[in-house]
Protein backbone atom coordinates (compact mmCIF):
# COMPACT_ATOMS: atom_id res chain seq x y z
CA UNK A 1 -27.39 -48.57 6.64
CA UNK A 2 -23.45 -48.41 7.06
CA UNK A 3 -23.36 -46.11 3.66
CA UNK A 4 -25.47 -43.15 6.16
CA UNK A 5 -23.45 -43.47 9.32
CA UNK A 6 -20.67 -43.13 7.08
CA UNK A 7 -22.12 -40.04 5.53
CA UNK A 8 -22.84 -38.65 9.14
CA UNK A 9 -19.60 -39.11 10.58
CA UNK A 10 -17.83 -37.48 7.41
CA UNK A 11 -20.19 -34.75 7.76
CA UNK A 12 -19.94 -34.15 10.94
CA UNK A 13 -16.13 -34.25 10.62
CA UNK A 14 -16.51 -31.59 7.73
CA UNK A 15 -18.10 -29.71 10.31
CA UNK A 16 -15.45 -29.58 12.86
CA UNK A 17 -12.68 -28.80 10.53
CA UNK A 18 -14.78 -25.86 8.97
CA UNK A 19 -15.18 -25.22 12.51
CA UNK A 20 -11.31 -25.06 13.47
CA UNK A 21 -10.49 -23.15 10.28
CA UNK A 22 -12.95 -19.99 11.06
CA UNK A 23 -11.99 -20.02 14.18
CA UNK A 24 -7.63 -20.17 13.40
CA UNK A 25 -9.05 -17.28 10.92
CA UNK A 26 -10.11 -15.03 13.74
CA UNK A 27 -7.19 -16.13 16.06
CA UNK A 28 -4.88 -14.72 13.15
CA UNK A 29 -7.12 -11.47 12.97
CA UNK A 30 -6.34 -10.91 16.43
CA UNK A 31 -3.51 -11.65 16.25
CA UNK A 32 -2.61 -9.22 13.31
CA UNK A 33 -5.23 -6.62 15.63
CA UNK A 34 -3.18 -6.80 18.14
CA UNK A 35 0.29 -6.42 16.37
CA UNK A 36 -1.40 -2.86 14.83
CA UNK A 37 -2.77 -1.75 18.30
CA UNK A 38 0.99 -2.43 19.57
CA UNK A 39 2.73 -0.61 16.42
CA UNK A 40 0.47 2.03 16.92
CA UNK A 41 1.44 2.52 20.53
CA UNK A 42 5.31 2.52 19.62
CA UNK A 43 5.06 4.94 17.26
CA UNK A 44 3.39 7.39 19.02
CA UNK A 45 5.48 7.14 22.11
CA UNK A 46 7.97 7.60 19.72
CA UNK A 47 6.29 11.01 18.51
CA UNK A 48 6.60 11.77 22.35
CA UNK A 49 10.10 11.20 22.67
CA UNK A 50 11.80 12.36 19.38
CA UNK A 51 12.00 15.55 17.36
CA UNK A 52 10.83 15.17 13.55
CA UNK A 53 15.08 15.65 12.76
CA UNK A 54 15.19 12.72 14.66
CA UNK A 55 12.34 11.06 13.63
CA UNK A 56 13.45 11.12 9.63
CA UNK A 57 16.77 9.84 10.95
CA UNK A 58 15.71 6.82 12.87
CA UNK A 59 13.10 6.31 9.64
CA UNK A 60 15.68 6.15 7.41
CA UNK A 61 18.09 3.76 9.04
CA UNK A 62 14.94 1.81 9.57
CA UNK A 63 14.79 1.54 5.51
CA UNK A 64 18.78 0.40 5.80
CA UNK A 65 19.01 -1.84 9.37
CA UNK A 66 15.44 -2.47 10.38
CA UNK A 67 16.94 -4.88 13.38
CA UNK A 68 18.82 -1.50 14.56
CA UNK A 69 16.40 0.65 14.04
CA UNK A 70 14.48 -1.87 15.89
CA UNK A 71 17.31 -1.82 19.15
CA UNK A 72 17.24 1.62 19.59
CA UNK A 73 13.05 2.06 19.01
CA UNK A 74 13.00 -0.68 22.07
CA UNK A 75 16.25 1.48 24.07
CA UNK A 76 14.51 4.61 23.47
CA UNK A 77 10.47 3.43 24.88
CA UNK A 78 12.75 1.52 27.64
CA UNK A 79 14.15 5.26 28.69
CA UNK A 80 11.04 6.74 28.21
CA UNK A 81 9.04 4.04 30.27
CA UNK A 82 11.76 4.81 33.40
CA UNK A 83 11.81 8.23 33.28
CA UNK A 84 15.17 8.53 32.44
CA UNK A 85 14.46 11.05 29.10
CA UNK A 86 14.30 14.92 30.31
CA UNK A 87 12.50 16.25 26.37
CA UNK A 88 12.13 15.84 23.14
CA UNK A 89 15.75 13.55 22.13
CA UNK A 90 17.09 15.91 18.97
CA UNK A 91 19.27 14.43 16.13
CA UNK A 92 22.29 14.84 17.61
CA UNK A 93 21.39 13.39 20.28
CA UNK A 94 19.83 10.08 18.38
CA UNK A 95 23.36 9.88 17.27
CA UNK A 96 24.85 9.42 19.99
CA UNK A 97 22.52 7.03 21.22
CA UNK A 98 23.15 5.38 18.23
CA UNK A 99 27.18 5.48 18.68
CA UNK A 100 25.95 3.53 22.12
CA UNK A 101 24.08 0.86 20.88
CA UNK A 102 26.67 -0.08 17.77
CA UNK A 103 29.29 0.10 20.08
CA UNK A 104 27.31 -2.65 22.29
CA UNK A 105 26.54 -4.88 19.77
CA UNK A 106 29.84 -4.11 17.57
CA UNK A 107 30.79 -7.61 15.83
CA UNK A 108 34.04 -8.43 15.76
CA UNK A 109 35.44 -10.73 12.70
CA UNK A 110 37.25 -13.11 13.11
CA UNK A 111 38.63 -15.49 10.07
CA UNK A 112 40.59 -18.86 11.06
CA UNK A 113 42.22 -20.69 8.66
CA UNK A 114 42.06 -24.63 9.09
CA UNK A 115 44.59 -25.56 6.97
CA UNK A 116 44.70 -29.60 5.56
CA UNK A 117 47.49 -31.44 6.09
CA UNK A 118 49.29 -32.72 2.65
CA UNK A 119 50.62 -36.27 2.96
CA UNK A 120 53.95 -35.97 3.71
CA UNK A 121 56.31 -38.65 1.91
CA UNK A 122 57.69 -39.17 5.49
CA UNK A 123 54.50 -40.43 6.31
CA UNK A 124 53.96 -43.56 4.43
CA UNK A 125 56.77 -45.64 2.77
CA UNK A 126 55.46 -47.69 -0.13
CA UNK A 127 58.78 -48.91 -0.50
């Protein structure tokens, strides 16, 4: 009798685990679809804002420096949503924006030397 109860508990637990696993795969699929929709919205918004040469330059930048390209895309989308753009941006306009973004995100490299103190003969007198 105990074996039957144990088997029933095992089956119930397996069913719970399988249902949880099935739900997580649905969540992952939903998240993936939401991410795809967001990417499509970004691309359509950028297509409305940039001309062909500017889009080509931005896509080339995305291959080399994806984080900088993402920052520029976010900046352009924000400007478009606020209505600060008066038409399509040309390649020269994009270059100006790239320069602004690179100035804002410019990292200043500093080198700091930590010199090790060497034991001086004055510090310890073994004599």
